C-alpha atoms as a PDB file:
ATOM      1  CA  UNK A   1     -38.204  25.463 -38.300  1.00  0.00           C
ATOM      2  CA  UNK A   2     -37.109  22.959 -35.637  1.00  0.00           C
ATOM      3  CA  UNK A   3     -35.527  24.124 -32.396  1.00  0.00           C
ATOM      4  CA  UNK A   4     -32.106  22.640 -33.240  1.00  0.00           C
ATOM      5  CA  UNK A   5     -32.092  24.262 -36.686  1.00  0.00           C
ATOM      6  CA  UNK A   6     -33.029  27.614 -35.144  1.00  0.00           C
ATOM      7  CA  UNK A   7     -30.238  27.300 -32.574  1.00  0.00           C
ATOM      8  CA  UNK A   8     -27.667  26.460 -35.225  1.00  0.00           C
ATOM      9  CA  UNK A   9     -28.846  29.366 -37.369  1.00  0.00           C
ATOM     10  CA  UNK A  10     -28.686  31.774 -34.416  1.00  0.00           C
ATOM     11  CA  UNK A  11     -25.258  30.658 -33.229  1.00  0.00           C
ATOM     12  CA  UNK A  12     -23.725  30.355 -36.705  1.00  0.00           C
ATOM     13  CA  UNK A  13     -20.888  27.814 -36.704  1.00  0.00           C
ATOM     14  CA  UNK A  14     -21.523  26.948 -33.065  1.00  0.00           C
ATOM     15  CA  UNK A  15     -24.067  24.421 -31.914  1.00  0.00           C
ATOM     16  CA  UNK A  16     -25.953  23.356 -28.861  1.00  0.00           C
ATOM     17  CA  UNK A  17     -26.178  19.682 -28.038  1.00  0.00           C
ATOM     18  CA  UNK A  18     -26.934  17.635 -24.963  1.00  0.00           C
ATOM     19  CA  UNK A  19     -23.352  16.374 -24.645  1.00  0.00           C
ATOM     20  CA  UNK A  20     -21.231  19.469 -24.752  1.00  0.00           C
ATOM     21  CA  UNK A  21     -23.554  22.416 -24.160  1.00  0.00           C
ATOM     22  CA  UNK A  22     -22.746  25.501 -26.190  1.00  0.00           C
ATOM     23  CA  UNK A  23     -19.755  25.130 -28.494  1.00  0.00           C
ATOM     24  CA  UNK A  24     -18.086  27.136 -31.205  1.00  0.00           C
ATOM     25  CA  UNK A  25     -16.056  25.412 -33.940  1.00  0.00           C
ATOM     26  CA  UNK A  26     -16.184  22.255 -31.806  1.00  0.00           C
ATOM     27  CA  UNK A  27     -14.799  24.047 -28.725  1.00  0.00           C
ATOM     28  CA  UNK A  28     -16.986  24.201 -25.599  1.00  0.00           C
ATOM     29  CA  UNK A  29     -17.831  27.786 -24.633  1.00  0.00           C
ATOM     30  CA  UNK A  30     -17.757  28.408 -20.893  1.00  0.00           C
ATOM     31  CA  UNK A  31     -19.570  31.358 -19.287  1.00  0.00           C
ATOM     32  CA  UNK A  32     -17.991  34.626 -20.433  1.00  0.00           C
ATOM     33  CA  UNK A  33     -15.320  32.815 -22.397  1.00  0.00           C
ATOM     34  CA  UNK A  34     -12.243  31.007 -21.125  1.00  0.00           C
ATOM     35  CA  UNK A  35      -9.082  32.952 -22.085  1.00  0.00           C
ATOM     36  CA  UNK A  36      -7.270  29.655 -22.687  1.00  0.00           C
ATOM     37  CA  UNK A  37      -9.733  28.839 -25.460  1.00  0.00           C
ATOM     38  CA  UNK A  38     -10.029  32.285 -27.044  1.00  0.00           C
ATOM     39  CA  UNK A  39      -8.194  32.293 -30.350  1.00  0.00           C
ATOM     40  CA  UNK A  40      -8.431  33.116 -34.028  1.00  0.00           C
ATOM     41  CA  UNK A  41      -6.347  30.031 -34.787  1.00  0.00           C
ATOM     42  CA  UNK A  42      -7.423  26.526 -35.670  1.00  0.00           C
ATOM     43  CA  UNK A  43      -8.696  24.041 -33.099  1.00  0.00           C
ATOM     44  CA  UNK A  44      -7.614  20.402 -33.335  1.00  0.00           C
ATOM     45  CA  UNK A  45      -9.086  17.499 -31.351  1.00  0.00           C
ATOM     46  CA  UNK A  46      -7.157  14.479 -30.043  1.00  0.00           C
ATOM     47  CA  UNK A  47      -8.973  11.452 -28.614  1.00  0.00           C
ATOM     48  CA  UNK A  48      -7.399   8.006 -28.858  1.00  0.00           C
ATOM     49  CA  UNK A  49     -10.531   6.395 -27.394  1.00  0.00           C
ATOM     50  CA  UNK A  50     -12.944   7.677 -30.054  1.00  0.00           C
ATOM     51  CA  UNK A  51     -14.157   5.109 -32.591  1.00  0.00           C
ATOM     52  CA  UNK A  52     -13.252   7.461 -35.477  1.00  0.00           C
ATOM     53  CA  UNK A  53      -9.797   8.496 -34.152  1.00  0.00           C
ATOM     54  CA  UNK A  54      -7.100   8.465 -36.820  1.00  0.00           C
ATOM     55  CA  UNK A  55      -3.986  10.503 -37.493  1.00  0.00           C
ATOM     56  CA  UNK A  56      -5.162  10.813 -41.104  1.00  0.00           C
ATOM     57  CA  UNK A  57      -8.256  12.793 -39.997  1.00  0.00           C
ATOM     58  CA  UNK A  58      -8.337  16.576 -40.284  1.00  0.00           C
ATOM     59  CA  UNK A  59      -8.898  16.690 -36.515  1.00  0.00           C
ATOM     60  CA  UNK A  60     -11.070  19.829 -36.658  1.00  0.00           C
ATOM     61  CA  UNK A  61     -14.119  18.001 -35.267  1.00  0.00           C
ATOM     62  CA  UNK A  62     -14.479  16.100 -31.989  1.00  0.00           C
ATOM     63  CA  UNK A  63     -16.368  13.464 -34.025  1.00  0.00           C
ATOM     64  CA  UNK A  64     -13.304  12.837 -36.250  1.00  0.00           C
ATOM     65  CA  UNK A  65     -10.373  13.413 -33.893  1.00  0.00           C
ATOM     66  CA  UNK A  66      -6.707  12.717 -34.339  1.00  0.00           C
ATOM     67  CA  UNK A  67      -5.324   9.732 -32.435  1.00  0.00           C
ATOM     68  CA  UNK A  68      -2.042  11.267 -31.216  1.00  0.00           C
ATOM     69  CA  UNK A  69      -0.729  14.559 -29.907  1.00  0.00           C
ATOM     70  CA  UNK A  70       2.166  14.476 -32.387  1.00  0.00           C
ATOM     71  CA  UNK A  71      -0.246  14.385 -35.338  1.00  0.00           C
ATOM     72  CA  UNK A  72      -2.114  17.412 -33.951  1.00  0.00           C
ATOM     73  CA  UNK A  73       1.101  19.397 -33.464  1.00  0.00           C
ATOM     74  CA  UNK A  74       2.097  18.637 -37.067  1.00  0.00           C
ATOM     75  CA  UNK A  75      -1.125  20.294 -38.311  1.00  0.00           C
ATOM     76  CA  UNK A  76      -0.564  23.558 -36.399  1.00  0.00           C
ATOM     77  CA  UNK A  77       0.723  26.822 -37.870  1.00  0.00           C
ATOM     78  CA  UNK A  78       3.296  28.883 -35.959  1.00  0.00           C
ATOM     79  CA  UNK A  79       2.134  32.008 -34.117  1.00  0.00           C
ATOM     80  CA  UNK A  80      -1.468  31.649 -35.282  1.00  0.00           C
ATOM     81  CA  UNK A  81      -2.855  30.771 -31.839  1.00  0.00           C
ATOM     82  CA  UNK A  82      -3.759  27.184 -32.719  1.00  0.00           C
ATOM     83  CA  UNK A  83      -5.294  25.133 -29.919  1.00  0.00           C
ATOM     84  CA  UNK A  84      -5.084  21.378 -29.428  1.00  0.00           C
ATOM     85  CA  UNK A  85      -7.867  19.974 -27.238  1.00  0.00           C
ATOM     86  CA  UNK A  86      -6.945  16.582 -25.815  1.00  0.00           C
ATOM     87  CA  UNK A  87     -10.107  14.760 -24.724  1.00  0.00           C
ATOM     88  CA  UNK A  88     -10.727  13.367 -21.294  1.00  0.00           C
ATOM     89  CA  UNK A  89      -9.812   9.697 -21.197  1.00  0.00           C
ATOM     90  CA  UNK A  90      -7.224  10.015 -23.998  1.00  0.00           C
ATOM     91  CA  UNK A  91      -4.267   7.726 -23.293  1.00  0.00           C
ATOM     92  CA  UNK A  92      -0.979   7.812 -25.165  1.00  0.00           C
ATOM     93  CA  UNK A  93       2.367   6.137 -24.480  1.00  0.00           C
ATOM     94  CA  UNK A  94       5.373   7.696 -26.187  1.00  0.00           C
ATOM     95  CA  UNK A  95       8.315   5.567 -27.290  1.00  0.00           C
ATOM     96  CA  UNK A  96       9.896   8.528 -29.076  1.00  0.00           C
ATOM     97  CA  UNK A  97       9.799  12.132 -27.905  1.00  0.00           C
ATOM     98  CA  UNK A  98       6.871  14.257 -29.054  1.00  0.00           C
ATOM     99  CA  UNK A  99       8.483  17.453 -30.351  1.00  0.00           C
ATOM    100  CA  UNK A 100       6.495  20.666 -30.135  1.00  0.00           C
ATOM    101  CA  UNK A 101       8.315  22.823 -32.674  1.00  0.00           C
ATOM    102  CA  UNK A 102       5.396  25.119 -33.541  1.00  0.00           C
ATOM    103  CA  UNK A 103       5.473  28.486 -31.753  1.00  0.00           C
ATOM    104  CA  UNK A 104       2.359  29.711 -29.973  1.00  0.00           C
ATOM    105  CA  UNK A 105       0.537  26.369 -29.723  1.00  0.00           C
ATOM    106  CA  UNK A 106      -1.763  25.718 -26.756  1.00  0.00           C
ATOM    107  CA  UNK A 107      -2.196  22.075 -25.724  1.00  0.00           C
ATOM    108  CA  UNK A 108      -5.179  21.846 -23.393  1.00  0.00           C
ATOM    109  CA  UNK A 109      -6.361  18.707 -21.641  1.00  0.00           C
ATOM    110  CA  UNK A 110     -10.053  18.290 -20.891  1.00  0.00           C
ATOM    111  CA  UNK A 111     -11.409  16.514 -17.825  1.00  0.00           C
ATOM    112  CA  UNK A 112     -10.532  16.409 -14.157  1.00  0.00           C
ATOM    113  CA  UNK A 113      -8.550  14.081 -11.891  1.00  0.00           C
ATOM    114  CA  UNK A 114      -7.836  10.695 -13.424  1.00  0.00           C
ATOM    115  CA  UNK A 115     -10.076  11.438 -16.415  1.00  0.00           C
ATOM    116  CA  UNK A 116      -7.525  14.011 -17.655  1.00  0.00           C
ATOM    117  CA  UNK A 117      -5.645  12.912 -20.773  1.00  0.00           C
ATOM    118  CA  UNK A 118      -2.782  10.583 -19.814  1.00  0.00           C
ATOM    119  CA  UNK A 119       0.598  10.977 -21.536  1.00  0.00           C
ATOM    120  CA  UNK A 120       2.923   8.159 -20.438  1.00  0.00           C
ATOM    121  CA  UNK A 121       6.637   8.246 -21.260  1.00  0.00           C
ATOM    122  CA  UNK A 122       7.548   4.758 -22.464  1.00  0.00           C
ATOM    123  CA  UNK A 123      11.330   4.862 -22.826  1.00  0.00           C
ATOM    124  CA  UNK A 124      14.618   6.462 -21.797  1.00  0.00           C
ATOM    125  CA  UNK A 125      13.562   9.640 -23.605  1.00  0.00           C
ATOM    126  CA  UNK A 126      12.079  13.064 -23.016  1.00  0.00           C
ATOM    127  CA  UNK A 127       8.307  12.625 -23.246  1.00  0.00           C
ATOM    128  CA  UNK A 128       7.652  16.051 -24.768  1.00  0.00           C
ATOM    129  CA  UNK A 129      10.375  18.338 -26.145  1.00  0.00           C
ATOM    130  CA  UNK A 130       9.327  21.977 -26.439  1.00  0.00           C
ATOM    131  CA  UNK A 131      11.604  23.583 -29.030  1.00  0.00           C
ATOM    132  CA  UNK A 132       9.413  26.557 -30.046  1.00  0.00           C
ATOM    133  CA  UNK A 133       8.581  29.715 -28.091  1.00  0.00           C
ATOM    134  CA  UNK A 134       5.275  30.504 -26.379  1.00  0.00           C
ATOM    135  CA  UNK A 135       3.945  26.941 -26.031  1.00  0.00           C
ATOM    136  CA  UNK A 136       1.357  26.195 -23.336  1.00  0.00           C
ATOM    137  CA  UNK A 137       0.679  22.745 -21.880  1.00  0.00           C
ATOM    138  CA  UNK A 138      -2.335  22.756 -19.576  1.00  0.00           C
ATOM    139  CA  UNK A 139      -4.256  20.123 -17.577  1.00  0.00           C
ATOM    140  CA  UNK A 140      -2.597  16.905 -18.788  1.00  0.00           C
ATOM    141  CA  UNK A 141      -1.816  13.920 -16.559  1.00  0.00           C
ATOM    142  CA  UNK A 142       1.626  12.332 -16.751  1.00  0.00           C
ATOM    143  CA  UNK A 143       1.587   8.857 -15.126  1.00  0.00           C
ATOM    144  CA  UNK A 144       4.855   7.368 -13.872  1.00  0.00           C
ATOM    145  CA  UNK A 145       7.033   6.554 -16.913  1.00  0.00           C
ATOM    146  CA  UNK A 146       7.291   2.868 -17.825  1.00  0.00           C
ATOM    147  CA  UNK A 147      11.081   3.187 -18.269  1.00  0.00           C
ATOM    148  CA  UNK A 148      13.744   5.545 -16.866  1.00  0.00           C
ATOM    149  CA  UNK A 149      12.750   8.745 -18.688  1.00  0.00           C
ATOM    150  CA  UNK A 150      15.336  11.484 -19.160  1.00  0.00           C
ATOM    151  CA  UNK A 151      12.492  13.961 -18.459  1.00  0.00           C
ATOM    152  CA  UNK A 152       8.750  14.078 -18.846  1.00  0.00           C
ATOM    153  CA  UNK A 153       8.880  17.568 -20.411  1.00  0.00           C
ATOM    154  CA  UNK A 154      12.049  19.182 -21.712  1.00  0.00           C
ATOM    155  CA  UNK A 155      11.907  22.933 -22.408  1.00  0.00           C
ATOM    156  CA  UNK A 156      14.407  24.303 -24.922  1.00  0.00           C
ATOM    157  CA  UNK A 157      12.566  27.504 -25.848  1.00  0.00           C
ATOM    158  CA  UNK A 158      11.411  30.817 -24.394  1.00  0.00           C
ATOM    159  CA  UNK A 159       8.179  31.583 -22.530  1.00  0.00           C
ATOM    160  CA  UNK A 160       6.873  28.012 -22.267  1.00  0.00           C
ATOM    161  CA  UNK A 161       4.044  27.607 -19.757  1.00  0.00           C
ATOM    162  CA  UNK A 162       3.366  24.319 -17.992  1.00  0.00           C
ATOM    163  CA  UNK A 163       0.197  24.915 -15.958  1.00  0.00           C
ATOM    164  CA  UNK A 164      -2.275  22.771 -14.030  1.00  0.00           C
ATOM    165  CA  UNK A 165      -0.742  19.424 -15.013  1.00  0.00           C
ATOM    166  CA  UNK A 166      -0.522  16.343 -12.799  1.00  0.00           C
ATOM    167  CA  UNK A 167       2.813  14.498 -12.595  1.00  0.00           C
ATOM    168  CA  UNK A 168       2.911  11.047 -10.980  1.00  0.00           C
ATOM    169  CA  UNK A 169       6.493  10.626  -9.873  1.00  0.00           C
ATOM    170  CA  UNK A 170       7.919   7.153  -9.353  1.00  0.00           C
ATOM    171  CA  UNK A 171      11.225   5.356  -9.716  1.00  0.00           C
ATOM    172  CA  UNK A 172      11.360   6.003 -13.485  1.00  0.00           C
ATOM    173  CA  UNK A 173      10.687   9.758 -13.315  1.00  0.00           C
ATOM    174  CA  UNK A 174      14.239  11.039 -12.771  1.00  0.00           C
ATOM    175  CA  UNK A 175      13.470  14.626 -13.882  1.00  0.00           C
ATOM    176  CA  UNK A 176       9.915  15.759 -14.443  1.00  0.00           C
ATOM    177  CA  UNK A 177      10.676  19.074 -16.178  1.00  0.00           C
ATOM    178  CA  UNK A 178      14.084  20.035 -17.520  1.00  0.00           C
ATOM    179  CA  UNK A 179      15.060  23.435 -18.880  1.00  0.00           C
END
């Protein structure tokens, strides 16, 4: 039995590969386990730069990711603990608000600095509207909007968490977060 086959058999659904290290259900496993990534829910991948990216994909594999955050949100189930992993280098410009109306969803950006996923507001709109409780947005980068945005993130729900994000404020970013 080859080493890779033995590893896959030992780790079950997880795998070890040279790119991502140890992963489970397509989610990288870090040390003792990152509480942001611990969940019994589904994991969806978003990566606009991947050759196979399409909003018609299932999105459950990093090799067949969804192309947009909105498509990933639409696949989530409320209060199940679903996680959306947005790949480093992902770039998306919104011309209509992305509405997060699914309670308990965690949107987690991968990467650091300028390699974080970039979500650019491209109109006089809210970039992301959070309308469901217990939503987390973590480690995304919000470049200066290309038009006078009403807000980058609008929160109209309880217990939303906006953590570790990077907001580039310029002339078009009137309000970054509105509640």
